[in-house]
Protein backbone atom coordinates (compact mmCIF):
# COMPACT_ATOMS: atom_id res chain seq x y z
CA MET A 1 -10.99 17.28 -28.27
CA LEU A 2 -11.44 19.35 -31.39
CA PRO A 3 -13.16 22.74 -30.98
CA ILE A 4 -16.91 22.21 -31.18
CA THR A 5 -19.68 24.76 -31.37
CA LEU A 6 -22.50 25.23 -28.91
CA ALA A 7 -24.85 24.38 -31.76
CA HIS A 8 -23.16 20.97 -32.04
CA ILE A 9 -23.42 20.43 -28.29
CA ALA A 10 -27.06 21.45 -28.20
CA ASP A 11 -27.85 19.15 -31.10
CA ALA A 12 -26.07 16.17 -29.49
CA THR A 13 -27.70 16.68 -26.09
CA SER A 14 -31.14 17.92 -27.21
CA GLY A 15 -30.33 21.12 -25.36
CA ARG A 16 -31.30 24.75 -25.85
CA ILE A 17 -28.79 27.59 -26.25
CA SER A 18 -29.32 30.57 -23.98
CA GLU A 19 -27.69 34.00 -23.73
CA VAL A 20 -25.04 33.36 -26.38
CA SER A 21 -24.47 32.73 -30.08
CA GLU A 22 -24.69 29.12 -31.22
CA SER A 23 -21.47 29.60 -33.20
CA ILE A 24 -19.37 30.02 -30.04
CA GLU A 25 -16.79 27.23 -29.77
CA VAL A 26 -15.57 25.31 -26.72
CA THR A 27 -12.14 23.72 -26.59
CA GLY A 28 -12.36 21.78 -23.35
CA ILE A 29 -14.65 20.50 -20.61
CA SER A 30 -14.54 21.24 -16.88
CA TYR A 31 -16.78 20.48 -13.91
CA ASP A 32 -14.64 22.23 -11.24
CA SER A 33 -14.92 26.02 -11.30
CA ARG A 34 -11.48 26.27 -9.68
CA LYS A 35 -9.85 24.49 -12.62
CA VAL A 36 -11.55 26.15 -15.57
CA HIS A 37 -9.46 27.02 -18.61
CA PRO A 38 -10.38 29.70 -21.15
CA GLY A 39 -12.71 28.22 -23.75
CA ASP A 40 -14.07 25.44 -21.53
CA LEU A 41 -17.63 24.25 -21.32
CA PHE A 42 -18.40 24.24 -17.58
CA VAL A 43 -20.65 21.33 -16.62
CA ALA A 44 -22.81 22.27 -13.64
CA LEU A 45 -23.03 18.98 -11.75
CA ARG A 46 -24.82 18.30 -8.49
CA GLY A 47 -22.68 16.68 -5.81
CA ASP A 48 -22.97 15.30 -2.31
CA GLU A 49 -24.19 17.23 0.72
CA GLY A 50 -26.17 19.72 -1.33
CA ARG A 51 -23.26 20.89 -3.47
CA ASP A 52 -24.38 22.21 -6.85
CA GLY A 53 -22.19 23.35 -9.73
CA HIS A 54 -24.84 25.84 -10.75
CA ASP A 55 -23.86 27.89 -7.70
CA HIS A 56 -20.34 28.28 -9.14
CA ALA A 57 -21.24 28.92 -12.77
CA HIS A 58 -20.58 32.66 -12.54
CA GLU A 59 -17.08 31.93 -11.23
CA ALA A 60 -16.48 29.58 -14.15
CA ILE A 61 -17.52 32.19 -16.72
CA ALA A 62 -15.38 34.81 -14.95
CA SER A 63 -12.42 32.41 -15.27
CA GLY A 64 -12.88 32.16 -19.04
CA ALA A 65 -15.42 29.41 -19.62
CA SER A 66 -17.25 29.93 -22.92
CA ALA A 67 -20.55 28.55 -21.65
CA VAL A 68 -22.26 26.42 -19.02
CA LEU A 69 -24.00 23.08 -19.47
CA ALA A 70 -26.86 23.66 -17.03
CA SER A 71 -30.33 22.47 -16.11
CA ARG A 72 -31.75 25.93 -15.40
CA SER A 73 -31.36 29.44 -16.74
CA LEU A 74 -28.57 31.36 -15.01
CA GLY A 75 -28.45 34.49 -17.11
CA LEU A 76 -25.15 33.20 -18.49
CA PRO A 77 -24.05 31.76 -21.83
CA SER A 78 -25.49 28.26 -21.53
CA VAL A 79 -26.70 25.08 -23.13
CA LEU A 80 -29.77 24.13 -21.12
CA VAL A 81 -30.50 20.42 -20.69
CA GLU A 82 -32.64 18.30 -18.40
CA ASP A 83 -29.66 16.77 -16.54
CA PRO A 84 -26.06 17.96 -17.11
CA LEU A 85 -24.52 14.63 -16.02
CA THR A 86 -26.62 12.62 -18.44
CA ALA A 87 -25.99 15.19 -21.16
CA LEU A 88 -22.23 14.90 -20.56
CA GLY A 89 -22.41 11.18 -21.27
CA VAL A 90 -24.57 11.72 -24.34
CA LEU A 91 -22.11 14.31 -25.66
CA ALA A 92 -19.19 11.92 -25.15
CA ARG A 93 -21.03 9.13 -26.98
CA ALA A 94 -21.77 11.44 -29.90
CA HIS A 95 -18.12 12.51 -29.96
CA VAL A 96 -16.61 9.00 -30.12
CA GLU A 97 -19.13 7.97 -32.77
CA GLU A 98 -17.62 10.64 -35.01
CA LEU A 99 -14.19 8.94 -34.78
CA PRO A 100 -14.44 5.84 -36.97
CA ASP A 101 -10.76 4.93 -36.52
CA LEU A 102 -11.02 4.87 -32.72
CA THR A 103 -10.81 1.52 -30.87
CA THR A 104 -11.93 1.46 -27.25
CA ILE A 105 -10.33 -0.99 -24.82
CA ALA A 106 -12.21 -1.15 -21.52
CA VAL A 107 -10.78 -2.53 -18.27
CA THR A 108 -12.63 -3.59 -15.13
CA GLY A 109 -12.09 -5.81 -12.10
CA SER A 110 -12.07 -5.63 -8.34
CA SER A 111 -8.41 -4.63 -8.15
CA GLY A 112 -5.58 -3.76 -10.52
CA LYS A 113 -7.71 -1.75 -12.98
CA THR A 114 -5.63 1.40 -12.86
CA SER A 115 -2.26 -0.35 -13.04
CA THR A 116 -3.43 -2.47 -15.98
CA LYS A 117 -4.93 0.51 -17.77
CA ASP A 118 -1.63 2.35 -17.39
CA LEU A 119 0.31 -0.63 -18.77
CA ILE A 120 -2.00 -0.99 -21.77
CA ALA A 121 -1.72 2.70 -22.60
CA GLN A 122 2.07 2.56 -22.54
CA ILE A 123 2.25 -0.63 -24.62
CA LEU A 124 0.03 0.90 -27.29
CA GLU A 125 2.19 4.02 -27.78
CA PRO A 126 4.02 2.64 -30.85
CA ALA A 127 0.73 1.48 -32.38
CA GLY A 128 -0.91 4.88 -32.47
CA PRO A 129 -1.98 7.94 -30.45
CA THR A 130 -3.64 6.76 -27.25
CA VAL A 131 -5.86 8.43 -24.66
CA ALA A 132 -6.40 6.77 -21.27
CA THR A 133 -8.34 7.43 -18.10
CA GLU A 134 -6.43 9.70 -15.72
CA GLY A 135 -5.72 7.95 -12.44
CA SER A 136 -8.85 6.12 -11.29
CA PHE A 137 -11.33 8.64 -12.68
CA ASN A 138 -13.43 5.73 -13.91
CA ASN A 139 -17.02 6.72 -13.21
CA GLU A 140 -19.90 8.45 -15.00
CA ILE A 141 -18.03 11.76 -14.80
CA GLY A 142 -14.48 10.66 -15.50
CA LEU A 143 -15.22 8.37 -18.42
CA PRO A 144 -17.00 10.93 -20.63
CA LEU A 145 -14.38 13.56 -19.79
CA THR A 146 -11.68 11.11 -20.89
CA ALA A 147 -13.58 10.23 -24.06
CA LEU A 148 -13.89 13.90 -24.96
CA GLU A 149 -10.08 14.18 -24.93
CA THR A 150 -9.89 12.03 -28.07
CA ASP A 151 -9.69 13.55 -31.53
CA ALA A 152 -9.39 12.50 -35.15
CA GLU A 153 -5.78 11.40 -34.62
CA THR A 154 -6.54 9.14 -31.64
CA ARG A 155 -6.40 5.43 -32.42
CA TYR A 156 -6.97 3.93 -28.96
CA LEU A 157 -9.06 4.91 -25.97
CA VAL A 158 -8.14 2.90 -22.87
CA ALA A 159 -11.12 3.28 -20.57
CA GLU A 160 -11.06 2.12 -16.97
CA MET A 161 -14.58 1.25 -15.85
CA GLY A 162 -15.48 1.11 -12.17
CA ALA A 163 -18.77 0.08 -10.59
CA ARG A 164 -20.48 0.26 -7.24
CA GLY A 165 -23.60 -1.64 -8.22
CA GLN A 166 -25.51 -3.45 -10.92
CA GLY A 167 -25.94 -1.55 -14.18
CA HIS A 168 -23.07 0.87 -13.65
CA ILE A 169 -20.73 -0.75 -16.16
CA THR A 170 -23.55 -1.18 -18.65
CA TYR A 171 -24.11 2.57 -18.50
CA LEU A 172 -20.42 3.28 -19.04
CA THR A 173 -20.26 0.95 -22.05
CA GLU A 174 -23.12 2.90 -23.56
CA ILE A 175 -21.00 6.07 -23.36
CA THR A 176 -17.88 4.51 -24.90
CA PRO A 177 -18.81 1.20 -26.57
CA PRO A 178 -15.76 -1.06 -26.24
CA THR A 179 -14.33 -3.37 -28.86
CA VAL A 180 -11.98 -5.08 -26.38
CA GLY A 181 -13.09 -5.76 -22.81
CA VAL A 182 -10.63 -6.84 -20.08
CA VAL A 183 -11.87 -8.37 -16.81
CA LEU A 184 -9.10 -8.84 -14.26
CA ASN A 185 -10.65 -10.45 -11.19
CA VAL A 186 -13.56 -10.66 -8.80
CA GLY A 187 -12.37 -9.83 -5.31
CA THR A 188 -13.29 -8.00 -2.14
CA ALA A 189 -13.41 -4.39 -3.36
CA HIS A 190 -16.84 -2.79 -2.75
CA MET A 191 -18.13 -6.14 -1.45
CA GLY A 192 -20.42 -4.32 0.94
CA GLU A 193 -22.06 -2.44 -1.90
CA PHE A 194 -22.37 -5.37 -4.30
CA GLY A 195 -23.59 -7.82 -1.67
CA GLY A 196 -21.17 -10.71 -2.30
CA PRO A 197 -18.79 -12.18 -4.88
CA GLU A 198 -21.48 -13.60 -7.15
CA LEU A 199 -23.17 -10.22 -7.44
CA THR A 200 -19.78 -8.60 -7.96
CA ALA A 201 -19.13 -11.01 -10.82
CA LYS A 202 -22.54 -10.23 -12.28
CA ALA A 203 -21.73 -6.51 -12.30
CA LYS A 204 -18.22 -6.90 -13.73
CA GLY A 205 -19.55 -9.25 -16.40
CA GLU A 206 -21.66 -6.44 -17.83
CA LEU A 207 -18.51 -5.41 -19.69
CA VAL A 208 -18.20 -8.58 -21.75
CA ALA A 209 -21.96 -8.70 -22.31
CA ALA A 210 -21.69 -5.31 -24.02
CA LEU A 211 -18.97 -6.36 -26.49
CA PRO A 212 -19.67 -6.83 -30.19
CA SER A 213 -19.57 -10.36 -31.56
CA ALA A 214 -16.39 -12.01 -32.73
CA ALA A 215 -17.52 -11.46 -36.33
CA GLU A 216 -17.77 -7.73 -35.57
CA GLY A 217 -14.30 -7.64 -33.99
CA GLY A 218 -15.24 -7.97 -30.32
CA VAL A 219 -12.64 -9.50 -27.97
CA ALA A 220 -13.11 -10.46 -24.31
CA VAL A 221 -9.85 -10.76 -22.33
CA LEU A 222 -10.54 -12.97 -19.30
CA ASN A 223 -8.48 -14.17 -16.33
CA ALA A 224 -8.14 -17.95 -16.60
CA ASP A 225 -6.95 -18.12 -12.98
CA ASP A 226 -10.17 -16.61 -11.59
CA PRO A 227 -13.12 -19.03 -11.99
CA ARG A 228 -15.73 -16.28 -11.72
CA VAL A 229 -14.03 -14.33 -14.50
CA ALA A 230 -13.45 -17.37 -16.69
CA ALA A 231 -17.17 -18.17 -16.42
CA MET A 232 -17.98 -14.83 -18.06
CA ALA A 233 -17.17 -16.43 -21.41
CA ASP A 234 -20.79 -17.60 -21.40
CA ARG A 235 -22.00 -13.99 -21.31
CA THR A 236 -20.45 -12.79 -24.56
CA LYS A 237 -20.38 -13.50 -28.27
CA ALA A 238 -16.95 -11.90 -28.56
CA ARG A 239 -13.78 -13.82 -29.25
CA ILE A 240 -12.19 -15.01 -25.99
CA ILE A 241 -8.53 -14.52 -25.08
CA THR A 242 -7.53 -15.89 -21.68
CA PHE A 243 -4.54 -14.90 -19.57
CA GLY A 244 -2.94 -16.27 -16.43
CA THR A 245 -0.62 -18.98 -15.17
CA ALA A 246 -3.08 -21.78 -15.96
CA GLN A 247 -1.71 -24.30 -18.45
CA GLY A 248 -4.43 -23.62 -21.02
CA ALA A 249 -4.31 -19.81 -20.92
CA ASP A 250 -3.73 -18.10 -24.26
CA VAL A 251 -1.33 -15.58 -22.70
CA ARG A 252 0.80 -17.02 -19.89
CA ALA A 253 3.66 -16.19 -17.60
CA VAL A 254 6.19 -18.94 -16.97
CA ASP A 255 9.43 -18.97 -15.00
CA ILE A 256 8.38 -16.01 -12.84
CA GLY A 257 11.09 -14.47 -10.68
CA LEU A 258 11.46 -11.38 -8.51
CA ASP A 259 14.57 -9.21 -8.25
CA ALA A 260 15.74 -7.48 -5.07
CA GLN A 261 13.54 -4.47 -5.89
CA GLY A 262 10.43 -6.68 -6.05
CA ARG A 263 10.09 -6.43 -9.83
CA ALA A 264 8.93 -9.53 -11.66
CA SER A 265 10.52 -11.09 -14.70
CA PHE A 266 9.01 -13.94 -16.69
CA THR A 267 8.66 -15.53 -20.08
CA LEU A 268 5.61 -14.19 -21.86
CA ARG A 269 4.14 -17.18 -23.70
CA THR A 270 1.46 -16.55 -26.32
CA ARG A 271 -0.07 -18.37 -29.27
CA ALA A 272 1.98 -16.06 -31.49
CA GLY A 273 5.32 -16.73 -29.79
CA ASP A 274 7.35 -16.08 -26.65
CA CYS A 275 9.52 -13.29 -25.29
CA MET A 276 11.21 -12.25 -22.06
CA VAL A 277 9.67 -9.53 -19.91
CA GLY A 278 11.26 -7.63 -17.04
CA LEU A 279 8.70 -5.40 -15.35
CA GLN A 280 9.57 -2.01 -13.90
CA VAL A 281 6.51 -2.01 -11.60
CA VAL A 282 6.82 -3.52 -8.13
CA GLY A 283 5.15 -6.65 -6.82
CA GLU A 284 4.43 -10.15 -8.08
CA HIS A 285 0.74 -9.19 -8.18
CA GLN A 286 1.62 -7.05 -11.21
CA VAL A 287 2.20 -10.18 -13.31
CA PRO A 288 -1.49 -10.85 -14.06
CA ASN A 289 -1.95 -7.14 -14.78
CA ALA A 290 0.91 -7.35 -17.28
CA LEU A 291 -0.55 -10.48 -18.87
CA ALA A 292 -3.93 -8.81 -19.26
CA ALA A 293 -2.25 -5.80 -20.86
CA ALA A 294 -0.29 -8.05 -23.22
CA ALA A 295 -3.48 -9.89 -24.21
CA ALA A 296 -5.30 -6.63 -24.90
CA ALA A 297 -2.43 -5.34 -27.03
CA GLY A 298 -2.31 -8.60 -28.94
CA ALA A 299 -6.05 -8.35 -29.53
CA VAL A 300 -5.56 -5.13 -31.49
CA GLY A 301 -2.72 -6.61 -33.54
CA MET A 302 0.51 -5.75 -31.77
CA ASP A 303 3.48 -8.08 -32.24
CA VAL A 304 4.47 -10.13 -29.18
CA LEU A 305 8.08 -8.94 -29.27
CA GLN A 306 6.98 -5.32 -29.33
CA VAL A 307 4.55 -6.00 -26.50
CA GLY A 308 7.32 -7.54 -24.42
CA GLU A 309 9.62 -4.62 -25.12
CA MET A 310 7.03 -2.05 -24.09
CA LEU A 311 6.01 -4.02 -20.99
CA SER A 312 9.64 -4.06 -19.93
CA THR A 313 9.89 -0.27 -20.08
CA ALA A 314 6.45 0.65 -18.70
CA THR A 315 6.61 2.51 -15.39
CA PRO A 316 4.07 3.48 -12.69
CA VAL A 317 1.94 6.37 -13.93
CA SER A 318 -0.94 6.92 -11.51
CA GLU A 319 -0.32 8.22 -8.00
CA GLY A 320 -0.51 6.06 -4.91
CA ARG A 321 0.00 2.68 -6.57
CA MET A 322 3.14 0.84 -5.53
CA ARG A 323 5.29 3.92 -6.02
CA VAL A 324 8.68 3.16 -4.54
CA VAL A 325 11.07 5.97 -3.61
CA GLU A 326 14.37 5.62 -1.78
CA ARG A 327 15.30 8.63 0.29
CA GLY A 328 18.79 9.97 0.67
CA ASP A 329 19.00 8.47 4.16
CA GLY A 330 18.29 4.98 2.82
CA LEU A 331 14.62 4.70 3.82
CA LEU A 332 12.56 3.00 1.10
CA VAL A 333 9.01 4.38 1.00
CA VAL A 334 6.31 2.34 -0.75
CA ASN A 335 3.23 4.48 -1.41
CA ASP A 336 0.26 2.25 -2.25
CA ALA A 337 -2.27 4.40 -0.42
CA TYR A 338 -4.72 5.30 -3.16
CA ASN A 339 -7.15 2.61 -2.08
CA ALA A 340 -7.32 -0.65 -0.14
CA ASN A 341 -9.18 -3.94 -0.05
CA THR A 342 -8.18 -7.38 1.20
CA ASP A 343 -6.61 -8.46 -2.08
CA SER A 344 -4.59 -5.31 -2.74
CA THR A 345 -3.45 -4.98 0.89
CA SER A 346 -2.34 -8.62 0.94
CA ALA A 347 -0.36 -8.05 -2.26
CA ALA A 348 1.24 -4.90 -0.86
CA LEU A 349 2.29 -6.69 2.35
CA ARG A 350 3.85 -9.52 0.36
CA ALA A 351 5.77 -6.96 -1.69
CA LEU A 352 6.92 -5.28 1.54
CA ALA A 353 8.15 -8.58 2.91
CA HIS A 354 10.06 -9.32 -0.29
CA LEU A 355 11.66 -5.87 -0.39
CA GLY A 356 12.70 -6.27 3.23
CA ARG A 357 14.52 -9.53 2.53
CA GLY A 358 16.92 -7.70 0.25
CA ARG A 359 17.77 -4.95 2.76
CA ALA A 360 19.34 -4.70 6.19
CA GLY A 361 16.60 -2.73 7.95
CA ARG A 362 13.08 -3.18 9.30
CA THR A 363 9.85 -3.75 7.44
CA ILE A 364 7.23 -1.23 8.60
CA ALA A 365 3.56 -1.15 7.60
CA LEU A 366 1.45 1.96 8.18
CA LEU A 367 -2.04 0.75 7.33
CA GLY A 368 -5.34 2.57 7.11
CA GLU A 369 -8.66 0.79 7.35
CA MET A 370 -10.17 -0.85 4.27
CA ARG A 371 -13.63 0.25 3.19
CA GLU A 372 -16.83 -1.19 1.68
CA LEU A 373 -16.18 -4.79 2.70
CA GLY A 374 -19.67 -5.38 4.07
CA ASP A 375 -20.61 -7.54 7.03
CA GLY A 376 -17.31 -9.41 6.92
CA SER A 377 -15.19 -6.29 7.26
CA MET A 378 -13.94 -7.00 10.79
CA GLU A 379 -12.83 -10.50 9.85
CA GLU A 380 -11.15 -9.26 6.66
CA HIS A 381 -9.15 -6.76 8.71
CA ARG A 382 -8.21 -9.46 11.18
CA LYS A 383 -6.97 -11.64 8.29
CA ILE A 384 -4.70 -8.83 7.13
CA GLY A 385 -3.19 -8.58 10.59
CA VAL A 386 -2.58 -12.32 10.66
CA LEU A 387 -0.95 -12.16 7.24
CA ALA A 388 1.38 -9.36 8.37
CA ALA A 389 2.44 -11.53 11.31
CA VAL A 390 2.97 -14.62 9.13
CA LEU A 391 5.06 -12.57 6.68
CA GLY A 392 7.23 -11.37 9.56
CA ILE A 393 6.53 -7.65 9.13
CA ASP A 394 8.52 -6.02 11.92
CA THR A 395 6.26 -3.07 12.75
CA VAL A 396 2.54 -2.68 12.12
CA THR A 397 0.78 0.61 12.86
CA VAL A 398 -2.92 0.91 12.01
CA VAL A 399 -4.98 4.07 11.64
CA GLY A 400 -8.69 4.03 12.48
CA THR A 401 -11.16 2.72 15.04
CA ALA A 402 -12.88 -0.66 15.42
CA GLU A 403 -11.61 -2.23 12.20
CA ALA A 404 -8.12 -0.92 12.88
CA ARG A 405 -8.24 -2.67 16.25
CA ALA A 406 -9.36 -5.88 14.56
CA LEU A 407 -6.35 -5.72 12.23
CA ALA A 408 -4.06 -5.06 15.19
CA GLU A 409 -5.50 -8.02 17.08
CA GLY A 410 -4.75 -10.24 14.10
CA TYR A 411 -1.13 -9.12 14.11
CA GLY A 412 -0.61 -9.37 17.85
CA PRO A 413 0.09 -7.24 20.93
CA ASP A 414 2.94 -5.29 19.34
CA ALA A 415 0.66 -3.58 16.80
CA LEU A 416 -0.07 0.08 17.44
CA VAL A 417 -3.48 1.68 16.75
CA LEU A 418 -3.69 5.41 16.01
CA SER A 419 -6.89 7.42 15.79
CA ASP A 420 -6.42 9.40 12.58
CA LYS A 421 -4.06 10.85 9.97
CA ASP A 422 -2.82 13.58 12.30
CA ALA A 423 -1.86 11.02 14.91
CA ALA A 424 -0.10 9.03 12.18
CA ARG A 425 1.80 12.13 11.10
CA GLU A 426 2.96 12.69 14.67
CA TRP A 427 3.97 9.04 14.95
CA LEU A 428 5.98 9.22 11.74
CA GLY A 429 7.69 12.37 12.96
CA GLY A 430 8.90 10.52 16.03
CA GLN A 431 10.36 7.58 14.15
CA ARG A 432 14.09 7.16 13.73
CA PHE A 433 14.30 5.47 10.38
CA ALA A 434 17.54 3.74 9.50
CA SER A 435 19.18 3.05 6.19
CA GLY A 436 17.67 -0.15 4.82
CA ASP A 437 14.25 0.30 6.43
CA VAL A 438 11.21 -0.23 4.19
CA LEU A 439 7.97 1.64 4.96
CA LEU A 440 4.70 0.64 3.30
CA VAL A 441 1.84 3.16 3.44
CA LYS A 442 -1.50 1.58 2.51
CA GLY A 443 -5.14 2.38 3.21
CA ALA A 444 -8.49 3.44 1.86
CA HIS A 445 -8.41 6.69 -0.09
CA SER A 446 -10.57 8.35 2.55
CA SER A 447 -7.82 7.84 5.15
CA ARG A 448 -5.59 10.21 3.13
CA LEU A 449 -2.46 8.40 4.24
CA GLY A 450 -0.98 8.96 0.79
CA GLU A 451 -0.42 12.58 1.81
CA LEU A 452 1.91 11.34 4.55
CA ALA A 453 3.78 9.11 2.12
CA ASP A 454 4.19 12.05 -0.26
CA ALA A 455 5.48 14.25 2.54
CA LEU A 456 8.13 11.67 3.42
CA THR A 457 9.59 11.76 -0.08
CA VAL A 458 9.35 15.43 -0.98
CA GLY A 459 12.19 17.85 -0.50
């Protein structure tokens, strides 16, 4: 972001400057007092379990913050507002409105958002300076912070938009109004919070409902292979571009193949022409993500050959998403432990099975429990265990309690259930991995199994 004065911030947020000159400039934004940089505006947010950023404001100023965005007087250089979180969103909206050459591409869906966002950002590099959401920081905090990283040179903002209920995506689109909206799928993620697939579809469809009309340049990129997503065409006046393997999709993949490393290749077929694509990301489930990314890039005018070229060089960016590392001893570690639901875990197990077919060792799955699946959670876990058995995964170890036991029951008597991450660490330490073995680590973010995957590949 460009340096902005406290006067500008106060004007945008209807705030009041306290204890400091209005001409003071800020050059960045932070909400974690441990990560403040000199010149930052520290946003004093309230968190869970009584945590309150106001209690750490003095630390932030001592670390070099220029001022605090706060809801009460602290005796510190501040911009005082009614609610710092709301004010952060308002400030971000005011900022992007000052960038007339900026195009926002928003991505949502039950799974694949982060991978698709990363692909889009890499494809767009030749088309102009691009800013994208870091990792999966896709909520009411992460989105405005990402938006505030843009400046006058930025041409594209690729904004991942997550939701845990109705109205969440609508709120995010009010912070960074999108021109292009991509909806990937309606699956099992957060099913317990949404209350079922139809309500999930309703929430995800808020993105396309917020798009400008086709006459105003709005484009909705919809998955033709997902009926609930395809039906969202009725919720928008934007131009529709469909993607998928369906015969009538505008952007299709044909002749899909997988190499020994589990990377897909296919012919990218579009209304503007065809080209060959060889993905560098692992798993056949990345194909629809790549198609969505290609459709979004085409929507902003990129040539199909350039899109294919960039897709074929794009690599994993965000942590914990199908990151594959081969150790010196020949163990292949697949870290897909950032999050887990039925769809993503099924895809990861299929990728594990495929990788195992090209190697001489065992296929091993270390699985944490999946979260937020609602009343059907036990059955969803059992289905994953059954799938692992059908795929012929050699070893299944599950971390957790009741749902972990349900997954193990689905797999069969040879599955092992461990209580927690520490028990999993001890189990890993006792394993004698052989050259050619493939280990998948997958689970809900709260299980923190990704830390174990990282430890296996560091040093």
